[in-house]
Amino acid sequence: MPALNNQSTYTIDDIFALPDGERAELIDGVMYDMAPPSGEHQRISISLSTQLYNHIQKNKGNCQVYYAPYAVFLNDDDYNYVEPDIAVICDKKKLDDEGCHGAPDFIIEIVSPSSRKMDYMIKMIKYQKSGVREYWIVDPLKQNVRTYDFMENETADYSFGEDIPVAIYPGFSISIHE
């Protein structure tokens, strides 16, 4: 996910001006190109999205599950736009036809070779500062999941196949099978 360095500061207008089929994210005015997801990435995304959606529906919850590409305008500015792999949003006032305006409650990013630095460093810090309550980094290469519970300031690591507790839903856990 290399930064595009043709210009010093980009805005959301630059994201919307990209040619059809091109995707990028914008963090603090720096635009990062997005590669298409692999088949494994898609399988993991579908599994996690489905487990979250089913839990919310079963418990008649108010939150919504969205998966990429879905626009998230993290801050009230023109310099931050992301498309998390999975976002759970509980405040319906943040939602409109354009996307989510403000921090989702829960974000999951699935690491690809080109997004490693973005997911583990840049996005982790940005999500925490923006008010995301929980953030997971799913790493198919390492077959592990790093969880960040920003509400309790806790971090944990899990292997695929383990039950991974979802902090925003006490008593609920998810497993990623190989």
Protein backbone atom coordinates (compact mmCIF):
# COMPACT_ATOMS: atom_id res chain seq x y z
CA MET A 1 0.00 0.00 0.00
CA PRO A 2 2.52 2.62 -1.11
CA ALA A 3 1.93 6.30 -0.59
CA LEU A 4 1.30 8.30 -3.73
CA ASN A 5 3.80 11.16 -3.63
CA ASN A 6 2.87 13.31 -6.61
CA GLN A 7 1.49 16.06 -4.39
CA SER A 8 2.22 17.20 -0.84
CA THR A 9 -1.33 17.12 0.60
CA TYR A 10 -4.37 15.34 -0.78
CA THR A 11 -8.03 15.77 0.14
CA ILE A 12 -11.15 13.64 -0.08
CA ASP A 13 -11.90 15.36 -3.41
CA ASP A 14 -8.74 13.71 -4.79
CA ILE A 15 -10.05 10.30 -3.65
CA PHE A 16 -13.34 10.87 -5.48
CA ALA A 17 -11.45 12.05 -8.59
CA LEU A 18 -9.59 8.73 -8.97
CA PRO A 19 -10.32 6.85 -12.20
CA ASP A 20 -12.97 4.12 -12.00
CA GLY A 21 -11.57 0.94 -10.50
CA GLU A 22 -8.75 2.67 -8.59
CA ARG A 23 -8.99 2.75 -4.81
CA ALA A 24 -6.94 4.61 -2.24
CA GLU A 25 -7.12 5.69 1.36
CA LEU A 26 -6.25 9.08 2.80
CA ILE A 27 -4.61 9.53 6.19
CA ASP A 28 -3.67 13.02 7.32
CA GLY A 29 -3.53 14.21 3.71
CA VAL A 30 -1.30 11.36 2.48
CA MET A 31 -2.89 9.13 -0.16
CA TYR A 32 -2.16 5.39 -0.06
CA ASP A 33 -2.87 3.16 -3.06
CA MET A 34 -4.91 0.02 -2.35
CA ALA A 35 -4.22 -3.30 -4.06
CA PRO A 36 -7.13 -5.65 -4.81
CA PRO A 37 -7.71 -8.28 -2.07
CA SER A 38 -6.65 -11.90 -2.54
CA GLY A 39 -9.06 -14.82 -2.46
CA GLU A 40 -7.92 -15.77 1.06
CA HIS A 41 -8.46 -12.18 2.18
CA GLN A 42 -12.01 -12.28 0.82
CA ARG A 43 -12.79 -15.65 2.47
CA ILE A 44 -11.65 -14.35 5.87
CA SER A 45 -13.59 -11.10 5.41
CA ILE A 46 -16.81 -12.95 4.55
CA SER A 47 -16.43 -15.32 7.51
CA LEU A 48 -15.80 -12.54 10.03
CA SER A 49 -18.53 -10.28 8.62
CA THR A 50 -21.03 -13.14 8.72
CA GLN A 51 -20.20 -14.11 12.30
CA LEU A 52 -20.55 -10.49 13.45
CA TYR A 53 -23.76 -9.94 11.49
CA ASN A 54 -25.34 -13.16 12.80
CA HIS A 55 -24.46 -12.25 16.40
CA ILE A 56 -25.96 -8.77 16.06
CA GLN A 57 -29.15 -10.11 14.42
CA LYS A 58 -29.56 -12.94 16.93
CA ASN A 59 -29.31 -10.46 19.80
CA LYS A 60 -31.45 -7.81 18.09
CA GLY A 61 -28.54 -5.36 18.27
CA ASN A 62 -28.50 -1.86 16.86
CA CYS A 63 -25.09 -2.01 15.20
CA GLN A 64 -24.47 -2.43 11.47
CA VAL A 65 -21.67 -4.43 9.80
CA TYR A 66 -20.06 -3.04 6.64
CA TYR A 67 -17.25 -4.47 4.54
CA ALA A 68 -14.89 -2.93 2.00
CA PRO A 69 -15.26 -0.99 -0.05
CA TYR A 70 -17.17 1.18 2.42
CA ALA A 71 -16.30 4.84 3.00
CA VAL A 72 -15.30 5.93 6.48
CA PHE A 73 -14.63 9.62 7.01
CA LEU A 74 -12.69 9.32 10.27
CA ASN A 75 -12.46 12.96 11.23
CA ASP A 76 -14.47 16.05 10.53
CA ASP A 77 -11.99 17.19 7.88
CA ASP A 78 -11.05 16.67 4.24
CA TYR A 79 -7.80 14.77 4.94
CA ASN A 80 -8.90 11.39 6.33
CA TYR A 81 -10.77 8.69 4.39
CA VAL A 82 -10.38 4.93 4.88
CA GLU A 83 -12.07 1.77 3.65
CA PRO A 84 -11.62 -0.77 6.47
CA ASP A 85 -12.03 -4.43 5.57
CA ILE A 86 -14.81 -4.64 8.17
CA ALA A 87 -16.44 -1.89 10.21
CA VAL A 88 -19.10 -2.20 12.89
CA ILE A 89 -20.99 1.04 13.50
CA CYS A 90 -23.44 1.38 16.39
CA ASP A 91 -24.33 5.08 16.17
CA LYS A 92 -26.80 5.38 13.30
CA LYS A 93 -26.37 9.18 13.32
CA LYS A 94 -22.91 8.62 11.80
CA LEU A 95 -24.38 6.84 8.77
CA ASP A 96 -25.67 8.24 5.48
CA ASP A 97 -25.56 7.25 1.82
CA GLU A 98 -21.91 8.37 1.52
CA GLY A 99 -20.67 6.17 4.36
CA CYS A 100 -19.72 6.58 8.02
CA HIS A 101 -18.89 10.05 9.34
CA GLY A 102 -16.81 9.50 12.45
CA ALA A 103 -15.11 6.54 14.05
CA PRO A 104 -16.72 3.09 13.78
CA ASP A 105 -16.98 1.18 17.06
CA PHE A 106 -15.01 -1.83 15.76
CA ILE A 107 -12.66 -2.16 12.79
CA ILE A 108 -10.97 -5.25 11.38
CA GLU A 109 -8.14 -5.01 8.85
CA ILE A 110 -6.88 -8.12 7.06
CA VAL A 111 -3.18 -7.77 6.31
CA SER A 112 -1.87 -8.16 2.79
CA PRO A 113 1.83 -7.99 1.90
CA SER A 114 1.46 -4.38 0.74
CA SER A 115 -0.56 -3.20 3.78
CA ARG A 116 1.55 -4.55 6.68
CA LYS A 117 3.03 -1.19 7.79
CA MET A 118 -0.29 0.59 7.27
CA ASP A 119 -2.31 -1.88 9.35
CA TYR A 120 0.15 -2.40 12.21
CA MET A 121 1.33 1.18 12.62
CA ILE A 122 -0.31 4.02 10.73
CA LYS A 123 -3.91 2.84 10.92
CA MET A 124 -3.61 1.50 14.46
CA ILE A 125 -2.55 4.93 15.74
CA LYS A 126 -5.10 6.77 13.58
CA TYR A 127 -7.96 4.51 14.66
CA GLN A 128 -7.08 4.88 18.33
CA LYS A 129 -6.85 8.67 18.11
CA SER A 130 -10.11 8.87 16.12
CA GLY A 131 -12.16 7.07 18.78
CA VAL A 132 -12.45 3.49 17.44
CA ARG A 133 -13.25 1.32 20.46
CA GLU A 134 -11.80 -1.98 19.18
CA TYR A 135 -9.37 -2.83 16.37
CA TRP A 136 -8.24 -6.22 15.07
CA ILE A 137 -5.39 -6.95 12.69
CA VAL A 138 -5.88 -10.33 11.01
CA ASP A 139 -2.63 -11.65 9.53
CA PRO A 140 -3.18 -14.62 7.18
CA LEU A 141 0.57 -15.11 6.60
CA LYS A 142 1.30 -15.44 10.34
CA GLN A 143 -2.12 -17.02 11.01
CA ASN A 144 -2.71 -14.78 13.96
CA VAL A 145 -4.91 -11.92 15.12
CA ARG A 146 -3.74 -8.96 17.19
CA THR A 147 -6.59 -7.30 19.06
CA TYR A 148 -6.63 -3.79 20.49
CA ASP A 149 -9.29 -2.94 23.06
CA PHE A 150 -8.83 0.82 23.13
CA MET A 151 -11.54 1.19 25.82
CA GLU A 152 -9.47 -0.82 28.32
CA ASN A 153 -6.06 -0.08 26.76
CA GLU A 154 -5.40 -3.81 26.26
CA THR A 155 -3.68 -5.73 23.46
CA ALA A 156 -3.73 -9.50 22.91
CA ASP A 157 -2.57 -11.99 20.27
CA TYR A 158 -4.49 -15.07 19.13
CA SER A 159 -3.81 -17.86 16.67
CA PHE A 160 -6.25 -18.89 13.97
CA GLY A 161 -8.59 -21.52 15.42
CA GLU A 162 -8.68 -19.92 18.88
CA ASP A 163 -11.78 -18.24 20.23
CA ILE A 164 -11.17 -14.49 20.07
CA PRO A 165 -13.30 -12.42 22.45
CA VAL A 166 -15.01 -9.38 20.93
CA ALA A 167 -14.61 -6.55 23.46
CA ILE A 168 -17.62 -4.54 22.29
CA TYR A 169 -19.80 -7.66 22.77
CA PRO A 170 -18.94 -9.24 26.15
CA GLY A 171 -19.43 -13.00 26.12
CA PHE A 172 -19.15 -13.26 22.31
CA SER A 173 -16.09 -14.65 20.55
CA ILE A 174 -15.10 -15.39 16.96
CA SER A 175 -12.84 -18.07 15.54
CA ILE A 176 -10.96 -17.89 12.25
CA HIS A 177 -10.50 -21.33 10.77
CA GLU A 178 -7.76 -22.17 8.29
